[in-house]
Amino acid sequence: MAKTNLRKQKSKSKLQIIFDKGVKFVCKSFIAFFFESQPDPLSFTIIASKKVGNAVKRNRSKRLLREVVRLYIQPNTPPVKLILIARSETAIVDFSVLVGDCQNLIKKINQKR
């Protein structure tokens, strides 16, 4: 498996800007906020709160969302700051559902450009 150069957002104040000014996208398996960042490459944050479930479910949800970002979102999106919030269904849905939701997210991001 090749290592990719995906940047992760860590600062809470930077995340708050994306929550406030970004575009919200809701689907069955996750909630996404994105904000166009022209000079910066794609950066993302994955959040899984305790509402998702125990630690095993939260970690699985985050792993699945990371893999979707690596395979589908990274090569197909313009430079954006992205926040993915896992829902309780994220850990139990089929991977093809996640892929379909990500394709819809990519369409939404490209429409907003």
Protein backbone atom coordinates (compact mmCIF):
# COMPACT_ATOMS: atom_id res chain seq x y z
CA MET A 1 0.00 0.00 0.00
CA ALA A 2 1.47 3.35 -1.06
CA LYS A 3 1.77 6.16 1.44
CA THR A 4 -0.04 9.33 0.40
CA ASN A 5 0.61 12.92 1.36
CA LEU A 6 -2.73 13.85 2.87
CA ARG A 7 -2.67 16.71 5.33
CA LYS A 8 -4.78 16.57 8.45
CA GLN A 9 -6.32 19.61 10.11
CA LYS A 10 -5.67 19.71 13.84
CA SER A 11 -6.30 23.22 15.13
CA LYS A 12 -9.76 23.67 16.63
CA SER A 13 -9.99 27.29 15.49
CA LYS A 14 -9.29 26.28 11.88
CA LEU A 15 -11.98 23.62 12.12
CA GLN A 16 -14.45 26.17 13.47
CA ILE A 17 -13.91 28.32 10.37
CA ILE A 18 -14.83 25.36 8.16
CA PHE A 19 -17.92 24.65 10.27
CA ASP A 20 -19.02 28.30 10.08
CA LYS A 21 -18.21 29.22 6.48
CA GLY A 22 -18.15 25.82 4.79
CA VAL A 23 -20.83 23.95 2.90
CA LYS A 24 -22.60 21.11 4.71
CA PHE A 25 -23.30 17.79 2.98
CA VAL A 26 -25.39 15.16 4.77
CA CYS A 27 -25.69 11.53 3.70
CA LYS A 28 -26.55 8.23 5.33
CA SER A 29 -23.06 7.26 6.43
CA PHE A 30 -21.38 10.58 7.28
CA ILE A 31 -21.74 14.35 7.45
CA ALA A 32 -19.23 16.47 5.53
CA PHE A 33 -18.25 20.11 5.71
CA PHE A 34 -16.00 21.52 3.02
CA PHE A 35 -14.44 24.88 2.36
CA GLU A 36 -12.45 25.81 -0.73
CA SER A 37 -8.77 26.48 -0.04
CA GLN A 38 -7.15 27.56 -3.26
CA PRO A 39 -3.43 27.66 -2.43
CA ASP A 40 -3.48 24.64 -0.10
CA PRO A 41 -3.81 20.99 -1.17
CA LEU A 42 -6.60 18.74 0.08
CA SER A 43 -6.64 18.57 3.87
CA PHE A 44 -9.12 16.62 5.93
CA THR A 45 -10.24 15.77 9.43
CA ILE A 46 -12.27 12.77 10.51
CA ILE A 47 -14.38 13.01 13.65
CA ALA A 48 -16.13 10.13 15.40
CA SER A 49 -17.85 11.08 18.64
CA LYS A 50 -19.01 8.72 21.37
CA LYS A 51 -22.48 8.80 19.79
CA VAL A 52 -21.09 6.49 17.10
CA GLY A 53 -20.52 3.73 19.64
CA ASN A 54 -17.73 2.17 21.63
CA ALA A 55 -14.04 2.56 20.76
CA VAL A 56 -14.07 -0.36 18.34
CA LYS A 57 -16.91 1.15 16.28
CA ARG A 58 -15.37 4.63 16.35
CA ASN A 59 -11.99 3.31 15.19
CA ARG A 60 -13.58 1.21 12.44
CA SER A 61 -15.61 4.20 11.24
CA LYS A 62 -12.52 6.38 11.11
CA ARG A 63 -10.53 3.69 9.27
CA LEU A 64 -13.27 3.29 6.66
CA LEU A 65 -13.55 7.03 6.11
CA ARG A 66 -9.76 7.38 5.83
CA GLU A 67 -9.71 4.67 3.18
CA VAL A 68 -12.51 6.35 1.22
CA VAL A 69 -10.62 9.65 1.32
CA ARG A 70 -7.45 7.95 0.13
CA LEU A 71 -9.05 6.01 -2.72
CA TYR A 72 -11.86 8.22 -4.01
CA ILE A 73 -11.84 11.75 -2.69
CA GLN A 74 -8.15 12.66 -2.96
CA PRO A 75 -7.62 12.07 -6.71
CA ASN A 76 -10.97 13.58 -7.74
CA THR A 77 -11.35 16.80 -5.79
CA PRO A 78 -9.97 20.29 -6.09
CA PRO A 79 -8.07 21.78 -3.13
CA VAL A 80 -10.54 21.90 -0.23
CA LYS A 81 -10.53 21.69 3.52
CA LEU A 82 -12.75 18.78 4.44
CA ILE A 83 -14.28 17.56 7.69
CA LEU A 84 -15.96 14.15 7.76
CA ILE A 85 -18.11 13.34 10.77
CA ALA A 86 -18.91 9.66 11.23
CA ARG A 87 -22.47 8.62 11.99
CA SER A 88 -23.59 5.52 13.85
CA GLU A 89 -24.28 3.76 10.52
CA THR A 90 -20.73 4.30 9.23
CA ALA A 91 -19.28 1.21 10.90
CA ILE A 92 -22.03 -1.13 9.71
CA VAL A 93 -22.82 0.00 6.15
CA ASP A 94 -21.35 -1.76 3.15
CA PHE A 95 -18.25 -0.15 1.66
CA SER A 96 -20.09 0.39 -1.64
CA VAL A 97 -22.55 2.68 0.19
CA LEU A 98 -19.62 4.76 1.45
CA VAL A 99 -18.22 4.94 -2.07
CA GLY A 100 -21.58 6.10 -3.44
CA ASP A 101 -21.88 8.77 -0.75
CA CYS A 102 -18.35 9.95 -1.54
CA GLN A 103 -19.13 10.19 -5.23
CA ASN A 104 -22.12 12.37 -4.37
CA LEU A 105 -19.87 14.50 -2.15
CA ILE A 106 -17.37 14.93 -5.00
CA LYS A 107 -20.20 16.07 -7.31
CA LYS A 108 -21.36 18.59 -4.69
CA ILE A 109 -17.81 19.93 -4.24
CA ASN A 110 -17.35 20.33 -7.99
CA GLN A 111 -20.72 22.13 -8.30
CA LYS A 112 -19.71 24.70 -5.68
CA ARG A 113 -16.53 25.67 -7.54
